[in-house]
C-alpha atoms as a PDB file:
ATOM      1  CA  MET A   1     -83.820 143.339 103.714  1.00  0.00           C
ATOM      2  CA  SER A   2     -87.396 142.204 103.653  1.00  0.00           C
ATOM      3  CA  THR A   3     -89.378 139.345 102.210  1.00  0.00           C
ATOM      4  CA  ALA A   4     -92.579 141.362 102.545  1.00  0.00           C
ATOM      5  CA  MET A   5     -93.999 142.305  99.191  1.00  0.00           C
ATOM      6  CA  GLU A   6     -95.772 145.440 100.439  1.00  0.00           C
ATOM      7  CA  ILE A   7     -92.755 147.518  99.384  1.00  0.00           C
ATOM      8  CA  ILE A   8     -93.289 146.429  95.757  1.00  0.00           C
ATOM      9  CA  PRO A   9     -95.698 148.608  93.723  1.00  0.00           C
ATOM     10  CA  ASP A  10     -99.174 147.117  93.277  1.00  0.00           C
ATOM     11  CA  ASN A  11     -99.203 147.754  89.536  1.00  0.00           C
ATOM     12  CA  ILE A  12     -95.781 146.303  88.717  1.00  0.00           C
ATOM     13  CA  GLY A  13     -95.671 144.221  85.570  1.00  0.00           C
ATOM     14  CA  LEU A  14     -94.292 144.086  82.066  1.00  0.00           C
ATOM     15  CA  ASN A  15     -95.174 147.781  81.663  1.00  0.00           C
ATOM     16  CA  TYR A  16     -92.210 148.672  83.935  1.00  0.00           C
ATOM     17  CA  VAL A  17     -89.740 147.505  81.269  1.00  0.00           C
ATOM     18  CA  SER A  18     -89.924 149.885  78.311  1.00  0.00           C
ATOM     19  CA  CYS A  19     -86.842 149.101  76.220  1.00  0.00           C
ATOM     20  CA  VAL A  20     -87.421 145.369  75.723  1.00  0.00           C
ATOM     21  CA  SER A  21     -89.503 143.685  73.031  1.00  0.00           C
ATOM     22  CA  LEU A  22     -92.815 142.034  73.886  1.00  0.00           C
ATOM     23  CA  LYS A  23     -91.328 138.641  72.994  1.00  0.00           C
ATOM     24  CA  LYS A  24     -88.553 139.078  75.586  1.00  0.00           C
ATOM     25  CA  LYS A  25     -91.021 140.389  78.167  1.00  0.00           C
ATOM     26  CA  LEU A  26     -93.177 137.281  77.733  1.00  0.00           C
ATOM     27  CA  LYS A  27     -90.121 135.034  77.978  1.00  0.00           C
ATOM     28  CA  ALA A  28     -89.159 136.742  81.254  1.00  0.00           C
ATOM     29  CA  GLN A  29     -92.682 136.231  82.559  1.00  0.00           C
ATOM     30  CA  GLY A  30     -92.297 132.534  81.764  1.00  0.00           C
ATOM     31  CA  PHE A  31     -89.152 132.395  83.899  1.00  0.00           C
ATOM     32  CA  VAL A  32     -91.074 133.782  86.857  1.00  0.00           C
ATOM     33  CA  SER A  33     -94.004 131.398  86.489  1.00  0.00           C
ATOM     34  CA  GLY A  34     -91.686 128.449  85.761  1.00  0.00           C
ATOM     35  CA  SER A  35     -90.030 128.667  89.201  1.00  0.00           C
ATOM     36  CA  TYR A  36     -86.621 129.647  87.868  1.00  0.00           C
ATOM     37  CA  PHE A  37     -86.235 132.141  90.752  1.00  0.00           C
ATOM     38  CA  GLN A  38     -85.143 131.339  94.317  1.00  0.00           C
ATOM     39  CA  LYS A  39     -84.481 133.232  97.523  1.00  0.00           C
ATOM     40  CA  VAL A  40     -86.053 136.504  96.387  1.00  0.00           C
ATOM     41  CA  ALA A  41     -85.570 139.435  98.782  1.00  0.00           C
ATOM     42  CA  PHE A  42     -86.722 143.049  98.661  1.00  0.00           C
ATOM     43  CA  TYR A  43     -84.751 146.099  99.791  1.00  0.00           C
ATOM     44  CA  ALA A  44     -86.322 149.548 100.211  1.00  0.00           C
ATOM     45  CA  LYS A  45     -83.446 151.853  99.303  1.00  0.00           C
ATOM     46  CA  ASN A  46     -85.666 154.905  99.902  1.00  0.00           C
ATOM     47  CA  ASP A  47     -89.347 155.848  99.473  1.00  0.00           C
ATOM     48  CA  ASP A  48     -89.187 155.599  95.679  1.00  0.00           C
ATOM     49  CA  VAL A  49     -86.562 152.944  94.981  1.00  0.00           C
ATOM     50  CA  VAL A  50     -86.886 149.226  95.690  1.00  0.00           C
ATOM     51  CA  GLU A  51     -84.257 146.621  94.904  1.00  0.00           C
ATOM     52  CA  VAL A  52     -85.357 143.058  94.178  1.00  0.00           C
ATOM     53  CA  ALA A  53     -82.615 140.449  94.399  1.00  0.00           C
ATOM     54  CA  GLY A  54     -82.665 136.714  93.975  1.00  0.00           C
ATOM     55  CA  TYR A  55     -81.117 133.703  92.288  1.00  0.00           C
ATOM     56  CA  VAL A  56     -82.077 132.647  88.757  1.00  0.00           C
ATOM     57  CA  PHE A  57     -81.446 129.274  87.162  1.00  0.00           C
ATOM     58  CA  PRO A  58     -80.200 129.139  83.561  1.00  0.00           C
ATOM     59  CA  SER A  59     -83.121 128.515  81.201  1.00  0.00           C
ATOM     60  CA  GLN A  60     -82.157 125.043  80.030  1.00  0.00           C
ATOM     61  CA  ARG A  61     -80.066 123.884  83.005  1.00  0.00           C
ATOM     62  CA  LYS A  62     -81.925 123.903  86.300  1.00  0.00           C
ATOM     63  CA  ASN A  63     -79.244 121.623  87.755  1.00  0.00           C
ATOM     64  CA  ASP A  64     -76.519 124.253  87.217  1.00  0.00           C
ATOM     65  CA  LYS A  65     -75.564 126.823  89.821  1.00  0.00           C
ATOM     66  CA  PRO A  66     -78.055 129.739  89.769  1.00  0.00           C
ATOM     67  CA  HIS A  67     -76.984 133.285  88.900  1.00  0.00           C
ATOM     68  CA  ARG A  68     -77.639 136.254  91.201  1.00  0.00           C
ATOM     69  CA  ALA A  69     -79.941 138.837  89.629  1.00  0.00           C
ATOM     70  CA  VAL A  70     -80.831 142.302  90.930  1.00  0.00           C
ATOM     71  CA  LEU A  71     -83.524 144.719  89.671  1.00  0.00           C
ATOM     72  CA  THR A  72     -83.701 148.332  90.784  1.00  0.00           C
ATOM     73  CA  ILE A  73     -87.293 149.593  90.530  1.00  0.00           C
ATOM     74  CA  ASN A  74     -88.315 153.243  90.696  1.00  0.00           C
ATOM     75  CA  LYS A  75     -91.889 153.341  91.966  1.00  0.00           C
ATOM     76  CA  SER A  76     -92.610 156.999  91.129  1.00  0.00           C
ATOM     77  CA  LYS A  77     -91.311 156.656  87.544  1.00  0.00           C
ATOM     78  CA  GLN A  78     -92.909 153.187  87.249  1.00  0.00           C
ATOM     79  CA  GLN A  79     -89.862 151.641  85.607  1.00  0.00           C
ATOM     80  CA  VAL A  80     -86.954 149.307  86.103  1.00  0.00           C
ATOM     81  CA  GLU A  81     -83.960 151.625  86.355  1.00  0.00           C
ATOM     82  CA  GLU A  82     -81.203 149.046  86.406  1.00  0.00           C
ATOM     83  CA  SER A  83     -80.726 145.306  86.184  1.00  0.00           C
ATOM     84  CA  GLN A  84     -77.684 143.151  86.879  1.00  0.00           C
ATOM     85  CA  CYS A  85     -76.892 139.450  86.686  1.00  0.00           C
ATOM     86  CA  THR A  86     -73.826 137.367  87.438  1.00  0.00           C
ATOM     87  CA  CYS A  87     -74.257 135.436  84.170  1.00  0.00           C
ATOM     88  CA  GLN A  88     -71.886 136.014  81.244  1.00  0.00           C
ATOM     89  CA  ILE A  89     -74.224 138.532  79.616  1.00  0.00           C
ATOM     90  CA  GLY A  90     -74.726 140.432  82.857  1.00  0.00           C
END
């Protein structure tokens, strides 16, 4: 586990998520800038794969218990390979 961001690709952004609409990408970006994330940690699984894990508050209920979210990022393919969340939708 690391909190150092040097294991995250420099060019990471909305372009890493290909199967989601622009509207949903912008909404996700709003979650990041709106401080809905806490305790973010980075795991280098190998040279190409990084896992980003943290806790996310529900969009309209910041007083509720946060959900745990995990993104698996492939740096060489420049894409999010997998995402998981403990919310009902997952």
